[in-house]
Protein backbone atom coordinates (compact mmCIF):
# COMPACT_ATOMS: atom_id res chain seq x y z
CA UNK A 1 0.00 0.00 0.00
CA UNK A 2 1.50 3.38 -0.97
CA UNK A 3 2.27 5.81 1.82
CA UNK A 4 0.16 8.92 2.00
CA UNK A 5 2.13 12.13 1.39
CA UNK A 6 3.43 13.86 4.49
CA UNK A 7 1.78 17.09 5.53
CA UNK A 8 3.22 20.18 7.14
CA UNK A 9 2.47 19.85 10.84
CA UNK A 10 2.17 23.57 11.56
CA UNK A 11 -0.52 24.28 8.96
CA UNK A 12 -4.16 23.64 9.94
CA UNK A 13 -6.92 22.27 7.68
CA UNK A 14 -7.71 25.82 6.51
CA UNK A 15 -4.10 26.47 5.50
CA UNK A 16 -3.33 28.77 8.42
CA UNK A 17 -0.32 28.52 10.73
CA UNK A 18 -1.05 26.63 13.95
CA UNK A 19 0.76 25.11 16.90
CA UNK A 20 0.59 21.32 16.95
CA UNK A 21 -1.65 19.88 19.67
CA UNK A 22 0.52 17.36 21.53
CA UNK A 23 -1.99 16.55 24.29
CA UNK A 24 -2.62 13.03 22.93
CA UNK A 25 1.09 12.18 22.63
CA UNK A 26 2.74 10.02 25.26
CA UNK A 27 5.26 11.57 27.60
CA UNK A 28 8.65 10.03 26.96
CA UNK A 29 12.38 10.59 26.89
CA UNK A 30 13.41 12.66 23.89
CA UNK A 31 16.85 13.61 22.67
CA UNK A 32 18.31 15.47 19.72
CA UNK A 33 21.75 16.37 18.43
CA UNK A 34 22.60 19.11 15.94
CA UNK A 35 25.68 20.86 14.63
CA UNK A 36 26.70 24.14 13.07
CA UNK A 37 30.07 24.99 11.58
CA UNK A 38 32.03 28.23 11.52
CA UNK A 39 34.55 28.62 8.68
CA UNK A 40 37.30 31.23 9.08
CA UNK A 41 39.63 32.76 6.53
CA UNK A 42 43.05 31.06 6.87
CA UNK A 43 44.74 34.05 8.51
CA UNK A 44 41.93 34.43 11.07
CA UNK A 45 41.98 30.72 11.92
CA UNK A 46 45.75 30.92 12.46
CA UNK A 47 45.34 33.96 14.71
CA UNK A 48 42.59 32.24 16.74
CA UNK A 49 44.64 29.08 17.13
CA UNK A 50 47.62 31.13 18.32
CA UNK A 51 45.44 32.95 20.88
CA UNK A 52 43.89 29.74 22.22
CA UNK A 53 40.47 30.88 20.91
CA UNK A 54 40.48 34.06 22.95
CA UNK A 55 39.53 37.46 21.60
CA UNK A 56 39.52 40.98 22.97
CA UNK A 57 35.98 40.18 24.16
CA UNK A 58 37.12 37.12 26.16
CA UNK A 59 37.05 33.33 25.85
CA UNK A 60 35.28 32.52 22.59
CA UNK A 61 34.38 28.90 23.35
CA UNK A 62 33.19 29.56 26.90
CA UNK A 63 31.01 32.45 25.79
CA UNK A 64 29.56 30.47 22.87
CA UNK A 65 28.70 27.53 25.17
CA UNK A 66 26.87 29.85 27.56
CA UNK A 67 25.01 31.61 24.72
CA UNK A 68 24.02 28.31 23.09
CA UNK A 69 22.76 26.93 26.38
CA UNK A 70 20.70 30.05 27.03
CA UNK A 71 19.25 29.79 23.51
CA UNK A 72 18.24 26.15 24.05
CA UNK A 73 16.24 27.20 27.11
CA UNK A 74 14.54 30.04 25.20
CA UNK A 75 13.77 28.33 21.89
CA UNK A 76 10.00 28.59 22.39
CA UNK A 77 10.40 32.38 22.68
CA UNK A 78 12.25 32.53 19.35
CA UNK A 79 10.43 30.00 17.16
CA UNK A 80 6.69 30.76 17.09
CA UNK A 81 5.22 27.25 17.20
CA UNK A 82 7.74 25.52 19.46
CA UNK A 83 6.32 24.27 22.75
CA UNK A 84 8.04 25.46 25.93
CA UNK A 85 9.84 22.40 27.25
CA UNK A 86 11.63 21.46 30.43
CA UNK A 87 15.25 20.87 29.46
CA UNK A 88 16.68 17.88 31.31
CA UNK A 89 20.14 18.26 29.83
CA UNK A 90 22.13 20.29 27.33
CA UNK A 91 25.70 19.82 26.20
CA UNK A 92 27.56 21.97 23.72
CA UNK A 93 30.94 20.85 22.38
CA UNK A 94 33.15 23.08 20.26
CA UNK A 95 36.37 21.97 18.60
CA UNK A 96 38.41 22.46 15.46
CA UNK A 97 37.49 20.30 12.47
CA UNK A 98 40.43 20.83 10.16
CA UNK A 99 42.56 23.95 9.97
CA UNK A 100 39.85 26.58 9.44
CA UNK A 101 36.54 25.21 10.72
CA UNK A 102 35.08 25.15 14.21
CA UNK A 103 32.45 22.45 14.67
CA UNK A 104 29.76 23.17 17.23
CA UNK A 105 27.61 20.28 18.41
CA UNK A 106 24.59 20.67 20.68
CA UNK A 107 22.83 17.74 22.38
CA UNK A 108 19.56 18.28 24.24
CA UNK A 109 17.41 15.96 26.36
CA UNK A 110 13.91 16.29 27.76
CA UNK A 111 11.08 14.19 29.06
CA UNK A 112 7.90 15.39 27.41
CA UNK A 113 5.32 15.07 24.65
CA UNK A 114 7.39 16.61 21.86
CA UNK A 115 10.98 16.48 20.70
CA UNK A 116 13.90 18.83 21.13
CA UNK A 117 15.35 19.03 17.63
CA UNK A 118 14.55 22.74 17.38
CA UNK A 119 16.28 23.31 20.71
CA UNK A 120 19.40 21.46 19.53
CA UNK A 121 19.47 23.38 16.24
CA UNK A 122 18.91 26.68 18.04
CA UNK A 123 21.67 25.98 20.55
CA UNK A 124 24.23 25.07 17.88
CA UNK A 125 23.29 28.02 15.68
CA UNK A 126 23.29 30.64 18.44
CA UNK A 127 26.65 29.34 19.65
CA UNK A 128 27.95 29.79 16.07
CA UNK A 129 26.49 33.31 15.91
CA UNK A 130 28.27 34.10 19.16
CA UNK A 131 31.58 32.91 17.73
CA UNK A 132 30.96 35.19 14.74
CA UNK A 133 30.14 38.13 17.00
CA UNK A 134 33.29 37.64 19.04
CA UNK A 135 35.50 37.30 15.94
CA UNK A 136 33.98 39.76 13.46
CA UNK A 137 36.57 42.41 14.34
CA UNK A 138 39.12 40.10 12.69
CA UNK A 139 37.11 39.53 9.50
CA UNK A 140 33.62 39.75 8.05
CA UNK A 141 34.44 36.84 5.75
CA UNK A 142 33.59 34.30 8.45
CA UNK A 143 30.95 31.87 7.16
CA UNK A 144 28.36 30.09 9.31
CA UNK A 145 26.83 26.77 8.37
CA UNK A 146 25.65 24.43 7.48
CA UNK A 147 23.48 23.91 10.51
CA UNK A 148 21.86 20.48 10.51
CA UNK A 149 20.12 17.91 12.64
CA UNK A 150 22.38 14.93 13.27
CA UNK A 151 19.78 12.81 15.00
CA UNK A 152 16.74 12.61 17.23
CA UNK A 153 15.31 9.87 19.39
CA UNK A 154 11.89 9.48 20.98
CA UNK A 155 8.52 10.39 19.61
CA UNK A 156 6.99 9.41 16.28
CA UNK A 157 10.21 8.38 14.54
CA UNK A 158 13.92 8.28 15.20
CA UNK A 159 16.30 9.99 12.79
CA UNK A 160 20.09 9.72 12.53
CA UNK A 161 22.14 9.10 15.66
CA UNK A 162 22.10 10.81 19.05
């Protein structure tokens, strides 16, 4: 039997934007992992490596971890149809991936009726934006992205790895 086409979950039967009603979903453990990359011009990457990822504004990694964590907790305030969720855990890891790229990974856990992929994506992306903000005095040729979901577990279907 052919599968029916998927529908956008945030559009109601009249074609208007709507928050998904999750009241009938089971409460369960949910987890998601996302990443965002920050690519620097070669001379900026060399300067950042030499400084131990510190700028005139302070420790770049520490500040980005704090900003990403704050963003995870406030995702529902930023994305209109995200449900406010209790965050059981959040971890942000930042490290070099090659000579010129910082890889930011954000893992988020909750126990609830809906998943935390938007929280993981928001955390990784805001951490990347913070790196950009702290380094833009060195160059405006810093490139963010891609940002992508690496995996989610719990809920309707699992995707990727967490």
